[in-house]
């Protein structure tokens, strides 16, 4: 049965380290930015987690209970290994020392090899604050002589997914082919009915139509049907060119 951990990082207990952890300011950001990649990595046997920083409420058509049910449904569709909510406050997300300690504690307990954060240029203050928190928490997670739970740990890389509120001409560092998992991405987003369906115009193009157009655009750049873009501040290391196309 799918569960969303809400008891805080100290209550996680013994878990097998994650291959990667997607940190999202609100439920639905992970699905919007990289739902297809999440589904693809899960299908390839990787251990994938999502940490939502807030409940995302209040919103015009949502509530705490509605968003919780929608998040559970989206989680089941993507079949992620672990999902939690840090319980920080929506609309008031700030890069405070307390919040940094909280996220660093999750890193120490979940031990993800790679962390995914929202792209660092955005109009949404919560998204900007989230990325600042994630980058600082990555450093803090390796500190010794601290009361944070878990052993000191340092994720190898922070990568950035695009779920932005600016109309940017995105120049990604790489694009993942999600042609075989786009339907799962679409269904996971549609699970958030209160955010993307209820009260929205039904005339085409709908929000879901526009998301498909974006995925097709990035897919076209790599000669595939659908794609998801990513960015990195640190260079990637390749041991083989066999998987580059």
Protein backbone atom coordinates (compact mmCIF):
# COMPACT_ATOMS: atom_id res chain seq x y z
CA UNK A 1 0.00 0.00 0.00
CA UNK A 2 1.30 3.46 -0.92
CA UNK A 3 2.08 5.73 2.01
CA UNK A 4 3.43 9.26 2.29
CA UNK A 5 5.86 9.72 5.16
CA UNK A 6 5.00 12.78 7.24
CA UNK A 7 6.58 12.00 10.63
CA UNK A 8 9.84 13.83 9.95
CA UNK A 9 13.32 12.60 8.97
CA UNK A 10 14.16 11.22 12.41
CA UNK A 11 11.31 8.68 12.08
CA UNK A 12 12.34 7.22 8.73
CA UNK A 13 14.32 4.35 10.22
CA UNK A 14 16.45 1.90 8.27
CA UNK A 15 15.93 2.22 4.51
CA UNK A 16 18.00 1.11 1.56
CA UNK A 17 19.71 4.19 0.06
CA UNK A 18 17.90 5.82 -2.84
CA UNK A 19 19.42 6.15 -6.29
CA UNK A 20 17.86 9.58 -6.58
CA UNK A 21 15.59 11.89 -4.64
CA UNK A 22 13.40 14.50 -6.34
CA UNK A 23 12.75 17.44 -4.01
CA UNK A 24 9.64 19.44 -4.90
CA UNK A 25 8.30 22.66 -3.36
CA UNK A 26 4.72 21.37 -3.71
CA UNK A 27 2.97 18.12 -4.58
CA UNK A 28 2.70 17.98 -8.41
CA UNK A 29 5.99 19.82 -9.13
CA UNK A 30 7.94 16.57 -9.42
CA UNK A 31 5.36 15.14 -11.82
CA UNK A 32 5.24 18.30 -13.91
CA UNK A 33 9.00 18.66 -14.17
CA UNK A 34 10.18 15.08 -14.52
CA UNK A 35 7.32 12.59 -14.17
CA UNK A 36 8.38 10.74 -17.30
CA UNK A 37 11.97 10.42 -16.10
CA UNK A 38 10.84 9.21 -12.68
CA UNK A 39 8.72 6.49 -14.31
CA UNK A 40 11.58 5.56 -16.64
CA UNK A 41 14.12 5.19 -13.84
CA UNK A 42 11.70 3.12 -11.75
CA UNK A 43 11.11 0.81 -14.73
CA UNK A 44 14.88 0.36 -15.00
CA UNK A 45 15.10 -0.85 -11.40
CA UNK A 46 16.29 2.35 -9.73
CA UNK A 47 15.18 3.39 -6.25
CA UNK A 48 13.42 6.73 -6.64
CA UNK A 49 12.05 8.99 -3.93
CA UNK A 50 10.08 12.24 -3.90
CA UNK A 51 10.21 14.71 -1.02
CA UNK A 52 7.49 17.37 -1.17
CA UNK A 53 8.43 20.33 1.02
CA UNK A 54 4.87 21.61 1.59
CA UNK A 55 1.28 20.45 1.17
CA UNK A 56 0.72 23.03 -1.57
CA UNK A 57 -2.35 24.36 0.20
CA UNK A 58 -4.27 26.63 0.19
CA UNK A 59 -5.30 26.67 -3.48
CA UNK A 60 -8.59 27.77 -5.10
CA UNK A 61 -10.01 24.27 -5.62
CA UNK A 62 -7.95 22.16 -3.25
CA UNK A 63 -7.80 21.22 0.41
CA UNK A 64 -5.39 19.29 2.61
CA UNK A 65 -7.41 16.08 2.25
CA UNK A 66 -7.94 16.49 -1.51
CA UNK A 67 -4.26 17.13 -2.17
CA UNK A 68 -3.24 14.18 0.00
CA UNK A 69 -5.50 11.83 -1.98
CA UNK A 70 -4.28 13.25 -5.30
CA UNK A 71 -0.66 12.86 -4.26
CA UNK A 72 -1.27 9.23 -3.27
CA UNK A 73 -2.82 8.54 -6.66
CA UNK A 74 0.05 10.16 -8.55
CA UNK A 75 2.56 8.25 -6.44
CA UNK A 76 0.85 4.96 -7.28
CA UNK A 77 0.90 5.77 -10.99
CA UNK A 78 4.64 6.46 -10.97
CA UNK A 79 5.33 3.58 -8.55
CA UNK A 80 8.05 5.48 -6.69
CA UNK A 81 10.02 3.77 -3.94
CA UNK A 82 9.43 6.37 -1.22
CA UNK A 83 7.52 9.62 -0.83
CA UNK A 84 7.44 12.05 2.05
CA UNK A 85 6.31 15.54 3.00
CA UNK A 86 8.60 17.80 5.05
CA UNK A 87 5.69 19.81 6.46
CA UNK A 88 7.10 23.26 5.63
CA UNK A 89 4.63 26.09 5.03
CA UNK A 90 3.28 26.75 1.53
CA UNK A 91 3.61 30.35 0.33
CA UNK A 92 6.07 31.01 3.19
CA UNK A 93 8.94 28.74 2.16
CA UNK A 94 12.21 30.39 3.16
CA UNK A 95 15.85 29.42 3.30
CA UNK A 96 16.04 29.36 7.09
CA UNK A 97 18.56 27.43 9.19
CA UNK A 98 15.75 25.33 10.64
CA UNK A 99 14.46 24.36 7.19
CA UNK A 100 18.01 23.69 5.95
CA UNK A 101 18.59 21.33 8.88
CA UNK A 102 15.32 19.55 8.11
CA UNK A 103 16.21 18.87 4.47
CA UNK A 104 19.79 17.91 5.33
CA UNK A 105 18.39 15.37 7.80
CA UNK A 106 16.31 13.80 5.03
CA UNK A 107 19.45 13.51 2.90
CA UNK A 108 21.29 11.79 5.76
CA UNK A 109 18.48 9.31 6.35
CA UNK A 110 17.59 8.55 2.70
CA UNK A 111 21.17 8.77 1.34
CA UNK A 112 20.30 9.51 -2.31
CA UNK A 113 23.14 9.30 -4.80
CA UNK A 114 21.65 12.13 -6.87
CA UNK A 115 19.27 14.93 -5.86
CA UNK A 116 16.96 16.77 -8.26
CA UNK A 117 15.92 20.34 -7.48
CA UNK A 118 13.77 22.95 -9.26
CA UNK A 119 15.60 25.06 -11.84
CA UNK A 120 17.17 28.02 -10.05
CA UNK A 121 15.64 30.84 -12.17
CA UNK A 122 11.93 31.18 -11.44
CA UNK A 123 9.21 33.69 -10.63
CA UNK A 124 7.74 31.56 -7.82
CA UNK A 125 9.40 32.48 -4.49
CA UNK A 126 8.77 28.97 -3.10
CA UNK A 127 10.68 27.40 -5.98
CA UNK A 128 13.64 29.74 -5.60
CA UNK A 129 13.74 29.18 -1.84
CA UNK A 130 13.46 25.41 -2.32
CA UNK A 131 16.52 25.29 -4.56
CA UNK A 132 18.56 27.45 -2.19
CA UNK A 133 17.56 25.10 0.63
CA UNK A 134 18.46 21.97 -1.32
CA UNK A 135 21.90 23.25 -2.34
CA UNK A 136 22.75 24.34 1.21
CA UNK A 137 21.32 21.14 2.73
CA UNK A 138 23.50 19.05 0.45
CA UNK A 139 26.53 20.65 2.11
CA UNK A 140 25.11 20.48 5.63
CA UNK A 141 24.28 16.78 5.32
CA UNK A 142 27.99 15.94 5.51
CA UNK A 143 28.64 17.84 8.74
CA UNK A 144 30.01 16.04 11.79
CA UNK A 145 29.39 16.88 15.47
CA UNK A 146 25.72 17.71 14.88
CA UNK A 147 22.41 16.63 16.36
CA UNK A 148 20.97 15.84 12.93
CA UNK A 149 19.79 12.22 12.67
CA UNK A 150 21.68 9.70 10.55
CA UNK A 151 25.29 9.42 9.48
CA UNK A 152 27.01 12.25 7.61
CA UNK A 153 26.38 12.03 3.88
CA UNK A 154 26.99 14.06 0.72
CA UNK A 155 24.89 13.45 -2.44
CA UNK A 156 27.16 13.20 -5.48
CA UNK A 157 25.28 15.75 -7.61
CA UNK A 158 22.37 18.17 -7.62
CA UNK A 159 20.59 18.28 -10.98
CA UNK A 160 17.79 20.66 -11.96
CA UNK A 161 14.40 19.94 -13.51
CA UNK A 162 12.20 22.53 -15.22
CA UNK A 163 8.90 23.32 -13.54
CA UNK A 164 9.07 27.08 -13.87
CA UNK A 165 6.72 30.05 -13.87
CA UNK A 166 8.72 32.06 -16.40
CA UNK A 167 8.47 31.82 -20.17
CA UNK A 168 12.12 31.01 -20.67
CA UNK A 169 13.81 29.78 -23.83
CA UNK A 170 15.25 26.81 -21.99
CA UNK A 171 18.74 25.61 -22.92
CA UNK A 172 19.00 22.23 -21.18
CA UNK A 173 22.22 20.41 -20.38
CA UNK A 174 20.59 17.16 -21.49
CA UNK A 175 17.18 15.75 -22.43
CA UNK A 176 15.76 12.40 -21.35
CA UNK A 177 13.75 10.39 -23.88
CA UNK A 178 10.39 9.75 -22.19
CA UNK A 179 8.52 8.48 -25.24
CA UNK A 180 7.73 5.20 -23.50
CA UNK A 181 6.68 6.78 -20.19
CA UNK A 182 4.91 9.97 -21.30
CA UNK A 183 1.48 8.43 -20.69
CA UNK A 184 2.43 7.77 -17.07
CA UNK A 185 3.63 11.35 -16.70
CA UNK A 186 0.36 12.66 -18.15
CA UNK A 187 -1.74 10.41 -15.91
CA UNK A 188 0.23 11.38 -12.80
CA UNK A 189 -0.37 15.07 -13.54
CA UNK A 190 -4.05 14.47 -14.29
CA UNK A 191 -4.32 12.86 -10.85
CA UNK A 192 -4.14 16.41 -9.45
CA UNK A 193 -7.66 17.21 -10.61
CA UNK A 194 -8.05 20.14 -8.21
CA UNK A 195 -5.01 21.85 -9.73
CA UNK A 196 -5.21 21.10 -13.44
CA UNK A 197 -8.80 20.18 -14.28
CA UNK A 198 -11.34 21.59 -11.81
CA UNK A 199 -12.32 25.16 -12.65
CA UNK A 200 -10.03 25.38 -15.68
CA UNK A 201 -11.15 26.13 -19.27
CA UNK A 202 -12.08 23.01 -21.22
CA UNK A 203 -11.46 24.56 -24.64
CA UNK A 204 -8.29 23.35 -26.36
CA UNK A 205 -5.48 23.81 -25.77
CA UNK A 206 -5.91 22.82 -22.14
CA UNK A 207 -3.05 22.86 -19.66
CA UNK A 208 -2.47 19.14 -20.31
CA UNK A 209 -2.41 19.87 -24.04
CA UNK A 210 0.28 22.51 -23.52
CA UNK A 211 2.35 20.12 -21.41
CA UNK A 212 2.24 17.58 -24.24
CA UNK A 213 3.35 20.25 -26.69
CA UNK A 214 6.33 21.05 -24.45
CA UNK A 215 7.26 17.37 -24.17
CA UNK A 216 7.00 16.97 -27.94
CA UNK A 217 9.21 20.03 -28.47
CA UNK A 218 12.00 18.64 -26.30
CA UNK A 219 11.54 15.21 -27.85
CA UNK A 220 11.96 16.72 -31.31
CA UNK A 221 15.31 18.23 -30.25
CA UNK A 222 16.65 14.70 -29.69
CA UNK A 223 14.76 13.05 -32.57
CA UNK A 224 12.34 11.33 -30.23
CA UNK A 225 8.61 11.71 -29.64
CA UNK A 226 8.75 13.14 -26.10
CA UNK A 227 11.52 14.49 -23.88
CA UNK A 228 12.19 16.14 -20.52
CA UNK A 229 14.96 18.74 -20.13
CA UNK A 230 17.48 18.98 -17.28
CA UNK A 231 20.28 21.32 -16.25
CA UNK A 232 23.47 20.92 -14.25
CA UNK A 233 25.95 23.38 -12.74
CA UNK A 234 28.66 20.74 -12.41
CA UNK A 235 29.97 18.85 -15.45
CA UNK A 236 28.89 15.27 -16.08
CA UNK A 237 31.40 12.43 -16.41
CA UNK A 238 30.86 9.79 -19.10
CA UNK A 239 32.63 6.43 -19.12
CA UNK A 240 31.12 5.50 -22.50
CA UNK A 241 29.47 7.18 -25.45
CA UNK A 242 27.30 4.14 -26.26
CA UNK A 243 24.17 5.68 -24.74
CA UNK A 244 24.62 9.14 -26.27
CA UNK A 245 22.52 9.89 -29.34
